[in-house]
């Protein structure tokens, strides 16, 4: 085979050029491109590490802020409950004072009304006794023709009213 015979004649020159091209590629890529790529990868890793560190710090700060917020919220809630309790107590006290004042006024009005009723009742009873005594005098005078005194008629009416 003639191709194999030719191979021996060109073999050494092909290996030479292969080594030259491989060396050139090695030096161009290895010395020119790899350091640039490595510096880019290192910069990217440093940026990622820095971003992660900042994210962890921000997360920790957010936790601190949230804890502070919760503490202040609980303190505010407690303060609000104390204010509400104080307002309720004051309202109850004020309400009790108003009720006591109103009770005193109502009791005074009731006493006045009871006194007025007693006075009216006594006046009405006295008037009824007087009218009844007059009526008894007239009836005795018409029925029997006898005259009785006003005092005797009043005493008889009082006795009749006392029994019932």
Protein backbone atom coordinates (compact mmCIF):
# COMPACT_ATOMS: atom_id res chain seq x y z
CA UNK A 1 0.00 0.00 0.00
CA UNK A 2 1.46 3.18 -1.09
CA UNK A 3 -0.24 5.33 1.60
CA UNK A 4 1.48 3.44 4.37
CA UNK A 5 4.83 3.75 2.64
CA UNK A 6 4.34 7.49 2.40
CA UNK A 7 3.57 7.68 6.06
CA UNK A 8 7.12 6.88 7.05
CA UNK A 9 8.50 9.68 4.90
CA UNK A 10 6.09 12.35 6.28
CA UNK A 11 5.74 10.98 9.78
CA UNK A 12 8.48 12.98 11.38
CA UNK A 13 7.46 16.27 9.79
CA UNK A 14 3.83 15.75 10.86
CA UNK A 15 4.89 15.04 14.43
CA UNK A 16 7.08 18.16 14.36
CA UNK A 17 4.23 20.38 13.15
CA UNK A 18 1.85 18.71 15.56
CA UNK A 19 4.19 19.56 18.42
CA UNK A 20 4.65 23.13 17.16
CA UNK A 21 0.90 23.70 16.78
CA UNK A 22 0.18 22.00 20.10
CA UNK A 23 2.82 24.11 21.82
CA UNK A 24 1.53 27.29 20.19
CA UNK A 25 -2.05 26.46 21.20
CA UNK A 26 -0.83 25.54 24.68
CA UNK A 27 1.02 28.81 25.13
CA UNK A 28 -1.75 30.97 23.59
CA UNK A 29 -4.53 29.34 25.53
CA UNK A 30 -2.55 28.38 28.63
CA UNK A 31 -0.69 31.64 29.08
CA UNK A 32 -3.09 34.07 27.37
CA UNK A 33 -6.62 32.92 27.92
CA UNK A 34 -6.54 30.71 31.03
CA UNK A 35 -5.30 33.46 33.38
CA UNK A 36 -8.03 35.80 32.12
CA UNK A 37 -10.64 33.08 32.56
CA UNK A 38 -9.23 32.18 35.98
CA UNK A 39 -9.28 35.82 37.10
CA UNK A 40 -12.89 36.13 35.90
CA UNK A 41 -13.86 32.94 37.79
CA UNK A 42 -12.02 34.16 40.90
CA UNK A 43 -13.71 37.58 40.65
CA UNK A 44 -17.07 35.87 40.23
CA UNK A 45 -16.44 33.60 43.23
CA UNK A 46 -15.34 36.60 45.31
CA UNK A 47 -18.47 38.53 44.24
CA UNK A 48 -20.71 35.56 45.09
CA UNK A 49 -19.01 35.11 48.46
CA UNK A 50 -19.34 38.85 49.15
CA UNK A 51 -23.00 38.82 48.10
CA UNK A 52 -23.66 35.80 50.33
CA UNK A 53 -21.93 37.49 53.27
CA UNK A 54 -23.94 40.67 52.72
CA UNK A 55 -27.14 38.60 52.40
CA UNK A 56 -26.37 36.80 55.68
CA UNK A 57 -25.65 40.15 57.37
CA UNK A 58 -28.86 41.62 55.96
CA UNK A 59 -30.79 38.54 57.09
CA UNK A 60 -29.33 38.83 60.59
CA UNK A 61 -30.15 42.56 60.65
CA UNK A 62 -33.69 41.82 59.46
CA UNK A 63 -34.06 39.29 62.28
CA UNK A 64 -32.87 41.90 64.78
CA UNK A 65 -35.28 44.48 63.37
CA UNK A 66 -38.13 41.97 63.46
CA UNK A 67 -37.34 41.03 67.07
CA UNK A 68 -37.19 44.72 68.02
CA UNK A 69 -40.49 45.28 66.22
CA UNK A 70 -42.11 42.38 68.07
CA UNK A 71 -40.83 43.67 71.42
CA UNK A 72 -42.14 47.18 70.69
CA UNK A 73 -45.42 45.75 69.41
CA UNK A 74 -45.88 43.74 72.61
CA UNK A 75 -44.99 46.76 74.74
CA UNK A 76 -47.47 48.86 72.76
CA UNK A 77 -50.15 46.20 73.16
CA UNK A 78 -49.56 46.06 76.93
CA UNK A 79 -49.63 49.87 77.15
CA UNK A 80 -52.84 49.99 75.12
CA UNK A 81 -54.45 47.37 77.35
CA UNK A 82 -53.45 49.37 80.42
CA UNK A 83 -54.94 52.53 78.90
CA UNK A 84 -58.14 50.68 78.02
CA UNK A 85 -58.36 49.20 81.53
CA UNK A 86 -57.78 52.63 83.08
CA UNK A 87 -60.41 54.17 80.81
CA UNK A 88 -62.89 51.42 81.71
CA UNK A 89 -62.20 51.88 85.42
CA UNK A 90 -62.64 55.66 85.10
CA UNK A 91 -65.84 55.19 83.11
CA UNK A 92 -67.19 52.78 85.74
CA UNK A 93 -66.27 55.20 88.53
CA UNK A 94 -67.84 58.15 86.69
CA UNK A 95 -70.90 56.05 85.92
CA UNK A 96 -71.22 55.03 89.57
CA UNK A 97 -70.96 58.68 90.62
CA UNK A 98 -73.63 59.67 88.13
CA UNK A 99 -75.87 56.80 89.22
CA UNK A 100 -75.38 57.74 92.89
CA UNK A 101 -76.18 61.39 92.13
CA UNK A 102 -79.23 60.37 90.10
CA UNK A 103 -80.33 58.00 92.90
CA UNK A 104 -80.09 60.84 95.43
CA UNK A 105 -82.10 63.15 93.16
CA UNK A 106 -84.69 60.44 92.52
CA UNK A 107 -84.91 59.60 96.23
CA UNK A 108 -85.43 63.29 97.02
CA UNK A 109 -88.15 63.55 94.36
CA UNK A 110 -89.79 60.37 95.64
CA UNK A 111 -89.72 61.74 99.20
CA UNK A 112 -91.22 65.01 97.99
CA UNK A 113 -93.87 63.13 96.01
CA UNK A 114 -94.68 60.86 98.98
CA UNK A 115 -94.96 63.91 101.23
CA UNK A 116 -97.21 65.61 98.69
CA UNK A 117 -99.33 62.46 98.43
CA UNK A 118 -99.59 62.25 102.23
CA UNK A 119 -100.56 65.91 102.43
CA UNK A 120 -103.09 65.52 99.61
CA UNK A 121 -104.41 62.33 101.18
CA UNK A 122 -104.73 64.03 104.56
CA UNK A 123 -106.41 67.04 102.96
CA UNK A 124 -108.75 64.79 100.97
CA UNK A 125 -109.54 62.74 104.08
CA UNK A 126 -110.23 65.91 106.06
CA UNK A 127 -112.45 67.17 103.27
CA UNK A 128 -114.20 63.81 103.02
CA UNK A 129 -114.76 63.87 106.79
CA UNK A 130 -116.11 67.39 106.60
CA UNK A 131 -118.41 66.59 103.69
CA UNK A 132 -119.46 63.32 105.33
CA UNK A 133 -120.20 65.10 108.61
CA UNK A 134 -122.34 67.67 106.75
CA UNK A 135 -124.11 64.91 104.84
CA UNK A 136 -124.72 63.01 108.10
CA UNK A 137 -126.18 66.15 109.70
CA UNK A 138 -128.47 66.67 106.72
CA UNK A 139 -129.58 63.02 106.65
CA UNK A 140 -130.33 62.97 110.36
CA UNK A 141 -132.23 66.22 110.02
CA UNK A 142 -134.29 64.99 107.06
CA UNK A 143 -134.88 61.48 108.31
CA UNK A 144 -135.55 62.08 111.99
CA UNK A 145 -136.10 65.79 112.03
CA UNK A 146 -133.61 66.12 114.91
CA UNK A 147 -130.68 68.43 114.78
CA UNK A 148 -127.23 67.18 115.75
CA UNK A 149 -124.15 69.26 116.27
CA UNK A 150 -121.37 69.43 113.77
CA UNK A 151 -118.88 67.98 116.29
CA UNK A 152 -121.13 64.97 117.01
CA UNK A 153 -121.55 64.30 113.27
CA UNK A 154 -117.74 64.60 112.75
CA UNK A 155 -117.07 62.18 115.64
CA UNK A 156 -119.56 59.67 114.21
CA UNK A 157 -117.94 59.90 110.75
CA UNK A 158 -114.45 59.44 112.24
CA UNK A 159 -115.64 56.39 114.15
CA UNK A 160 -117.23 54.92 111.01
CA UNK A 161 -114.09 55.58 108.92
CA UNK A 162 -111.85 54.07 111.61
CA UNK A 163 -113.79 50.78 111.51
CA UNK A 164 -113.66 50.60 107.97
